[in-house]
């Protein structure tokens, strides 16, 4: 199976330099959103949420998901750039460069440690 070149792999973030990718890879949910997310999760556990709060919680969780996908793609792009610099063989691998196909646990929910209060690290 032939692999795609670096610039056309679907999960790579192209057009960003190493520093920009590092910033994305280390990104976290803003403290304002994190505080609100924790409030809603706590209230949901204790007394439940009204419809508007459920929608707000859903939107915040979507933001967390999107952030984690972006972080995973940035980390993956950095990893691939480092491997390319080393000249490693099989640059994208047999899976066509999709990290969750070979290391799902590593790339899903990066940055989230569930402790009962949904804390981002």
Protein backbone atom coordinates (compact mmCIF):
# COMPACT_ATOMS: atom_id res chain seq x y z
CA UNK A 1 0.00 0.00 0.00
CA UNK A 2 1.42 3.35 -1.00
CA UNK A 3 1.32 6.11 1.60
CA UNK A 4 0.35 9.71 1.02
CA UNK A 5 3.06 12.35 0.97
CA UNK A 6 3.47 14.47 4.10
CA UNK A 7 1.58 17.51 2.80
CA UNK A 8 -1.54 15.57 1.75
CA UNK A 9 -2.06 13.30 4.75
CA UNK A 10 -5.59 14.11 5.95
CA UNK A 11 -4.82 14.44 9.66
CA UNK A 12 -1.71 16.60 9.44
CA UNK A 13 -1.91 20.32 10.18
CA UNK A 14 0.01 21.95 7.36
CA UNK A 15 1.12 25.54 7.04
CA UNK A 16 2.09 25.89 10.72
CA UNK A 17 5.60 26.09 12.08
CA UNK A 18 6.87 23.99 14.98
CA UNK A 19 6.22 26.69 17.60
CA UNK A 20 2.63 27.16 16.44
CA UNK A 21 2.03 23.41 16.50
CA UNK A 22 3.50 23.19 20.01
CA UNK A 23 1.15 25.92 21.23
CA UNK A 24 -1.82 24.04 19.80
CA UNK A 25 -0.65 20.73 21.24
CA UNK A 26 -0.43 22.27 24.70
CA UNK A 27 -3.71 24.16 24.45
CA UNK A 28 -6.26 23.96 27.23
CA UNK A 29 -9.81 25.09 27.68
CA UNK A 30 -9.86 28.70 28.88
CA UNK A 31 -10.32 29.09 32.62
CA UNK A 32 -13.65 30.87 32.11
CA UNK A 33 -15.05 27.93 30.16
CA UNK A 34 -13.45 25.39 32.47
CA UNK A 35 -15.05 26.97 35.54
CA UNK A 36 -18.45 27.04 33.84
CA UNK A 37 -18.06 23.46 32.65
CA UNK A 38 -17.23 22.31 36.17
CA UNK A 39 -20.23 24.22 37.56
CA UNK A 40 -22.62 22.64 35.08
CA UNK A 41 -21.23 19.14 35.63
CA UNK A 42 -21.51 19.55 39.40
CA UNK A 43 -25.06 20.89 39.19
CA UNK A 44 -25.99 18.09 36.80
CA UNK A 45 -24.78 15.48 39.30
CA UNK A 46 -26.45 17.10 42.29
CA UNK A 47 -29.77 18.49 41.10
CA UNK A 48 -30.00 18.29 37.34
CA UNK A 49 -30.01 20.98 34.70
CA UNK A 50 -32.71 23.00 32.99
CA UNK A 51 -32.93 22.78 29.21
CA UNK A 52 -30.83 25.90 28.56
CA UNK A 53 -28.08 24.60 30.85
CA UNK A 54 -28.14 21.21 29.12
CA UNK A 55 -27.63 22.97 25.78
CA UNK A 56 -24.81 25.05 27.25
CA UNK A 57 -23.16 21.94 28.69
CA UNK A 58 -23.47 20.23 25.31
CA UNK A 59 -21.79 23.17 23.57
CA UNK A 60 -18.96 23.23 26.12
CA UNK A 61 -18.40 19.49 25.73
CA UNK A 62 -18.32 19.95 21.95
CA UNK A 63 -15.62 22.60 22.44
CA UNK A 64 -13.63 20.16 24.58
CA UNK A 65 -13.95 17.51 21.89
CA UNK A 66 -12.86 19.91 19.15
CA UNK A 67 -9.95 21.13 21.24
CA UNK A 68 -8.81 17.58 21.85
CA UNK A 69 -8.98 16.70 18.16
CA UNK A 70 -6.97 19.82 17.33
CA UNK A 71 -4.42 18.99 20.04
CA UNK A 72 -4.12 15.42 18.79
CA UNK A 73 -3.62 16.57 15.21
CA UNK A 74 -0.98 19.10 16.30
CA UNK A 75 0.85 16.46 18.36
CA UNK A 76 0.63 14.00 15.51
CA UNK A 77 1.95 16.57 13.03
CA UNK A 78 4.87 17.38 15.33
CA UNK A 79 5.62 13.67 15.71
CA UNK A 80 5.54 13.14 11.96
CA UNK A 81 7.80 16.15 11.37
CA UNK A 82 10.31 14.77 13.88
CA UNK A 83 10.21 11.34 12.24
CA UNK A 84 10.65 12.93 8.84
CA UNK A 85 13.70 14.85 10.08
CA UNK A 86 15.16 11.59 11.36
CA UNK A 87 14.50 10.01 7.99
CA UNK A 88 12.53 7.13 9.46
CA UNK A 89 11.12 4.63 7.03
CA UNK A 90 7.39 4.19 6.65
CA UNK A 91 6.79 7.87 7.44
CA UNK A 92 3.00 7.72 7.54
CA UNK A 93 2.64 4.02 8.11
CA UNK A 94 0.22 1.52 6.65
CA UNK A 95 -2.78 3.32 8.16
CA UNK A 96 -2.24 6.34 5.90
CA UNK A 97 -1.29 8.65 8.74
CA UNK A 98 -4.31 8.32 11.00
CA UNK A 99 -3.05 8.10 14.57
CA UNK A 100 -6.20 6.76 16.16
CA UNK A 101 -6.01 3.69 13.96
CA UNK A 102 -2.79 2.57 15.62
CA UNK A 103 -2.71 4.39 18.98
CA UNK A 104 -6.32 5.17 19.82
CA UNK A 105 -5.79 5.55 23.54
CA UNK A 106 -2.97 8.02 23.01
CA UNK A 107 -4.97 10.38 20.80
CA UNK A 108 -8.48 10.30 22.25
CA UNK A 109 -9.29 12.65 25.11
CA UNK A 110 -5.78 14.03 25.30
CA UNK A 111 -5.51 16.52 28.10
CA UNK A 112 -8.52 15.34 30.06
CA UNK A 113 -8.20 13.51 33.32
CA UNK A 114 -11.60 12.62 34.69
CA UNK A 115 -11.59 12.85 38.49
CA UNK A 116 -15.28 13.34 39.03
CA UNK A 117 -15.02 17.08 38.48
CA UNK A 118 -13.88 16.99 34.85
CA UNK A 119 -10.56 18.78 35.22
CA UNK A 120 -8.47 19.76 32.19
CA UNK A 121 -4.71 19.50 32.53
